[in-house]
Amino acid sequence: MTDKLSADEQDILDQFERGEWQSVPNLEDEIQAARQAARQTFNKTKRVNLRVTERDFNLAHARAREEGIPYQTLLSSVIHKYLSGRLTEKR
Protein backbone atom coordinates (compact mmCIF):
# COMPACT_ATOMS: atom_id res chain seq x y z
CA MET A 1 0.00 0.00 0.00
CA THR A 2 1.54 3.30 -1.07
CA ASP A 3 -1.08 5.62 0.48
CA LYS A 4 -0.36 7.11 3.90
CA LEU A 5 -2.84 6.15 6.58
CA SER A 6 -4.42 8.68 8.89
CA ALA A 7 -3.81 8.24 12.62
CA ASP A 8 -7.28 6.69 13.02
CA GLU A 9 -6.73 4.31 10.10
CA GLN A 10 -3.33 3.29 11.47
CA ASP A 11 -4.88 2.66 14.88
CA ILE A 12 -7.54 0.40 13.34
CA LEU A 13 -4.90 -1.47 11.32
CA ASP A 14 -2.76 -1.96 14.44
CA GLN A 15 -5.77 -3.28 16.37
CA PHE A 16 -6.61 -5.66 13.52
CA GLU A 17 -3.04 -6.96 13.34
CA ARG A 18 -3.05 -7.58 17.12
CA GLY A 19 -6.19 -9.70 16.67
CA GLU A 20 -8.47 -7.30 18.53
CA TRP A 21 -11.14 -7.40 15.81
CA GLN A 22 -13.42 -10.40 15.49
CA SER A 23 -16.12 -11.19 12.98
CA VAL A 24 -19.69 -11.44 14.23
CA PRO A 25 -21.06 -15.00 14.32
CA ASN A 26 -23.88 -14.19 11.90
CA LEU A 27 -21.88 -12.10 9.42
CA GLU A 28 -24.09 -12.84 6.40
CA ASP A 29 -27.22 -11.80 8.32
CA GLU A 30 -25.52 -8.56 9.40
CA ILE A 31 -24.47 -7.81 5.83
CA GLN A 32 -28.01 -8.40 4.56
CA ALA A 33 -29.47 -6.18 7.31
CA ALA A 34 -27.04 -3.39 6.41
CA ARG A 35 -27.88 -3.70 2.71
CA GLN A 36 -31.61 -3.54 3.45
CA ALA A 37 -31.14 -0.48 5.66
CA ALA A 38 -29.14 1.23 2.90
CA ARG A 39 -31.85 0.46 0.34
CA GLN A 40 -34.56 1.83 2.60
CA THR A 41 -32.57 4.98 3.35
CA PHE A 42 -32.64 6.05 -0.28
CA ASN A 43 -35.96 4.47 -1.26
CA LYS A 44 -38.25 7.14 -2.66
CA THR A 45 -41.72 5.67 -2.51
CA LYS A 46 -43.95 8.58 -1.51
CA ARG A 47 -44.36 12.04 -2.95
CA VAL A 48 -45.03 14.93 -0.56
CA ASN A 49 -46.18 18.44 -1.38
CA LEU A 50 -44.88 20.85 1.22
CA ARG A 51 -45.66 24.55 1.57
CA VAL A 52 -42.89 26.69 3.04
CA THR A 53 -42.35 30.41 3.24
CA GLU A 54 -40.54 32.06 0.37
CA ARG A 55 -37.71 32.91 2.76
CA ASP A 56 -37.27 29.26 3.82
CA PHE A 57 -37.52 28.14 0.19
CA ASN A 58 -34.75 30.56 -0.80
CA LEU A 59 -32.62 29.52 2.19
CA ALA A 60 -33.05 25.84 1.26
CA HIS A 61 -31.98 26.56 -2.32
CA ALA A 62 -28.95 28.54 -1.16
CA ARG A 63 -27.85 25.88 1.33
CA ALA A 64 -28.33 23.13 -1.25
CA ARG A 65 -26.16 25.03 -3.74
CA GLU A 66 -23.47 25.37 -1.03
CA GLU A 67 -23.65 21.62 -0.42
CA GLY A 68 -23.74 20.83 -4.15
CA ILE A 69 -26.97 18.82 -3.91
CA PRO A 70 -30.53 19.32 -5.17
CA TYR A 71 -32.74 21.23 -2.73
CA GLN A 72 -35.23 18.33 -2.59
CA THR A 73 -32.44 16.05 -1.40
CA LEU A 74 -31.44 18.57 1.25
CA LEU A 75 -35.02 18.92 2.55
CA SER A 76 -35.52 15.15 2.54
CA SER A 77 -32.28 14.70 4.50
CA VAL A 78 -33.30 17.31 7.08
CA ILE A 79 -36.69 15.66 7.57
CA HIS A 80 -35.13 12.19 7.83
CA LYS A 81 -32.50 13.32 10.34
CA TYR A 82 -35.10 15.09 12.47
CA LEU A 83 -37.47 12.13 12.51
CA SER A 84 -34.67 9.69 13.34
CA GLY A 85 -33.48 11.88 16.23
CA ARG A 86 -30.17 12.88 14.69
CA LEU A 87 -31.19 16.50 14.16
CA THR A 88 -32.05 18.43 17.29
CA GLU A 89 -32.97 22.00 18.10
CA LYS A 90 -30.05 24.31 18.82
CA ARG A 91 -30.39 25.94 22.24
C-alpha atoms as a PDB file:
ATOM      1  CA  MET A   1       0.000   0.000   0.000  1.00  0.00           C
ATOM      2  CA  THR A   2       1.536   3.303  -1.073  1.00  0.00           C
ATOM      3  CA  ASP A   3      -1.079   5.622   0.482  1.00  0.00           C
ATOM      4  CA  LYS A   4      -0.361   7.106   3.904  1.00  0.00           C
ATOM      5  CA  LEU A   5      -2.842   6.146   6.578  1.00  0.00           C
ATOM      6  CA  SER A   6      -4.416   8.680   8.891  1.00  0.00           C
ATOM      7  CA  ALA A   7      -3.811   8.244  12.618  1.00  0.00           C
ATOM      8  CA  ASP A   8      -7.276   6.687  13.019  1.00  0.00           C
ATOM      9  CA  GLU A   9      -6.730   4.314  10.102  1.00  0.00           C
ATOM     10  CA  GLN A  10      -3.330   3.289  11.471  1.00  0.00           C
ATOM     11  CA  ASP A  11      -4.883   2.656  14.882  1.00  0.00           C
ATOM     12  CA  ILE A  12      -7.536   0.398  13.336  1.00  0.00           C
ATOM     13  CA  LEU A  13      -4.897  -1.471  11.318  1.00  0.00           C
ATOM     14  CA  ASP A  14      -2.757  -1.961  14.439  1.00  0.00           C
ATOM     15  CA  GLN A  15      -5.772  -3.280  16.371  1.00  0.00           C
ATOM     16  CA  PHE A  16      -6.607  -5.664  13.522  1.00  0.00           C
ATOM     17  CA  GLU A  17      -3.039  -6.956  13.339  1.00  0.00           C
ATOM     18  CA  ARG A  18      -3.051  -7.582  17.120  1.00  0.00           C
ATOM     19  CA  GLY A  19      -6.188  -9.699  16.674  1.00  0.00           C
ATOM     20  CA  GLU A  20      -8.469  -7.302  18.533  1.00  0.00           C
ATOM     21  CA  TRP A  21     -11.137  -7.404  15.809  1.00  0.00           C
ATOM     22  CA  GLN A  22     -13.422 -10.402  15.492  1.00  0.00           C
ATOM     23  CA  SER A  23     -16.117 -11.193  12.981  1.00  0.00           C
ATOM     24  CA  VAL A  24     -19.687 -11.444  14.228  1.00  0.00           C
ATOM     25  CA  PRO A  25     -21.057 -15.004  14.320  1.00  0.00           C
ATOM     26  CA  ASN A  26     -23.882 -14.195  11.896  1.00  0.00           C
ATOM     27  CA  LEU A  27     -21.885 -12.104   9.424  1.00  0.00           C
ATOM     28  CA  GLU A  28     -24.088 -12.842   6.403  1.00  0.00           C
ATOM     29  CA  ASP A  29     -27.222 -11.796   8.322  1.00  0.00           C
ATOM     30  CA  GLU A  30     -25.521  -8.564   9.402  1.00  0.00           C
ATOM     31  CA  ILE A  31     -24.469  -7.810   5.830  1.00  0.00           C
ATOM     32  CA  GLN A  32     -28.012  -8.399   4.565  1.00  0.00           C
ATOM     33  CA  ALA A  33     -29.475  -6.180   7.305  1.00  0.00           C
ATOM     34  CA  ALA A  34     -27.041  -3.387   6.415  1.00  0.00           C
ATOM     35  CA  ARG A  35     -27.880  -3.696   2.711  1.00  0.00           C
ATOM     36  CA  GLN A  36     -31.607  -3.543   3.454  1.00  0.00           C
ATOM     37  CA  ALA A  37     -31.144  -0.481   5.662  1.00  0.00           C
ATOM     38  CA  ALA A  38     -29.139   1.226   2.900  1.00  0.00           C
ATOM     39  CA  ARG A  39     -31.847   0.461   0.336  1.00  0.00           C
ATOM     40  CA  GLN A  40     -34.563   1.833   2.597  1.00  0.00           C
ATOM     41  CA  THR A  41     -32.574   4.976   3.347  1.00  0.00           C
ATOM     42  CA  PHE A  42     -32.640   6.049  -0.282  1.00  0.00           C
ATOM     43  CA  ASN A  43     -35.957   4.469  -1.262  1.00  0.00           C
ATOM     44  CA  LYS A  44     -38.249   7.139  -2.659  1.00  0.00           C
ATOM     45  CA  THR A  45     -41.717   5.665  -2.506  1.00  0.00           C
ATOM     46  CA  LYS A  46     -43.946   8.578  -1.508  1.00  0.00           C
ATOM     47  CA  ARG A  47     -44.362  12.038  -2.948  1.00  0.00           C
ATOM     48  CA  VAL A  48     -45.035  14.935  -0.560  1.00  0.00           C
ATOM     49  CA  ASN A  49     -46.177  18.443  -1.379  1.00  0.00           C
ATOM     50  CA  LEU A  50     -44.881  20.851   1.220  1.00  0.00           C
ATOM     51  CA  ARG A  51     -45.660  24.547   1.571  1.00  0.00           C
ATOM     52  CA  VAL A  52     -42.890  26.687   3.037  1.00  0.00           C
ATOM     53  CA  THR A  53     -42.354  30.413   3.242  1.00  0.00           C
ATOM     54  CA  GLU A  54     -40.540  32.059   0.370  1.00  0.00           C
ATOM     55  CA  ARG A  55     -37.708  32.909   2.761  1.00  0.00           C
ATOM     56  CA  ASP A  56     -37.275  29.255   3.818  1.00  0.00           C
ATOM     57  CA  PHE A  57     -37.517  28.139   0.191  1.00  0.00           C
ATOM     58  CA  ASN A  58     -34.746  30.557  -0.797  1.00  0.00           C
ATOM     59  CA  LEU A  59     -32.616  29.515   2.192  1.00  0.00           C
ATOM     60  CA  ALA A  60     -33.046  25.839   1.256  1.00  0.00           C
ATOM     61  CA  HIS A  61     -31.977  26.565  -2.319  1.00  0.00           C
ATOM     62  CA  ALA A  62     -28.950  28.544  -1.164  1.00  0.00           C
ATOM     63  CA  ARG A  63     -27.845  25.879   1.333  1.00  0.00           C
ATOM     64  CA  ALA A  64     -28.329  23.133  -1.247  1.00  0.00           C
ATOM     65  CA  ARG A  65     -26.158  25.027  -3.737  1.00  0.00           C
ATOM     66  CA  GLU A  66     -23.469  25.367  -1.032  1.00  0.00           C
ATOM     67  CA  GLU A  67     -23.648  21.617  -0.422  1.00  0.00           C
ATOM     68  CA  GLY A  68     -23.739  20.831  -4.149  1.00  0.00           C
ATOM     69  CA  ILE A  69     -26.966  18.825  -3.915  1.00  0.00           C
ATOM     70  CA  PRO A  70     -30.531  19.320  -5.172  1.00  0.00           C
ATOM     71  CA  TYR A  71     -32.740  21.228  -2.734  1.00  0.00           C
ATOM     72  CA  GLN A  72     -35.234  18.330  -2.593  1.00  0.00           C
ATOM     73  CA  THR A  73     -32.437  16.054  -1.398  1.00  0.00           C
ATOM     74  CA  LEU A  74     -31.442  18.574   1.253  1.00  0.00           C
ATOM     75  CA  LEU A  75     -35.019  18.919   2.545  1.00  0.00           C
ATOM     76  CA  SER A  76     -35.518  15.155   2.538  1.00  0.00           C
ATOM     77  CA  SER A  77     -32.281  14.704   4.496  1.00  0.00           C
ATOM     78  CA  VAL A  78     -33.296  17.312   7.084  1.00  0.00           C
ATOM     79  CA  ILE A  79     -36.689  15.656   7.570  1.00  0.00           C
ATOM     80  CA  HIS A  80     -35.126  12.191   7.835  1.00  0.00           C
ATOM     81  CA  LYS A  81     -32.495  13.322  10.344  1.00  0.00           C
ATOM     82  CA  TYR A  82     -35.097  15.088  12.469  1.00  0.00           C
ATOM     83  CA  LEU A  83     -37.473  12.125  12.510  1.00  0.00           C
ATOM     84  CA  SER A  84     -34.670   9.687  13.344  1.00  0.00           C
ATOM     85  CA  GLY A  85     -33.475  11.882  16.229  1.00  0.00           C
ATOM     86  CA  ARG A  86     -30.173  12.879  14.689  1.00  0.00           C
ATOM     87  CA  LEU A  87     -31.192  16.502  14.160  1.00  0.00           C
ATOM     88  CA  THR A  88     -32.053  18.427  17.291  1.00  0.00           C
ATOM     89  CA  GLU A  89     -32.974  22.001  18.104  1.00  0.00           C
ATOM     90  CA  LYS A  90     -30.048  24.306  18.820  1.00  0.00           C
ATOM     91  CA  ARG A  91     -30.389  25.935  22.244  1.00  0.00           C
END
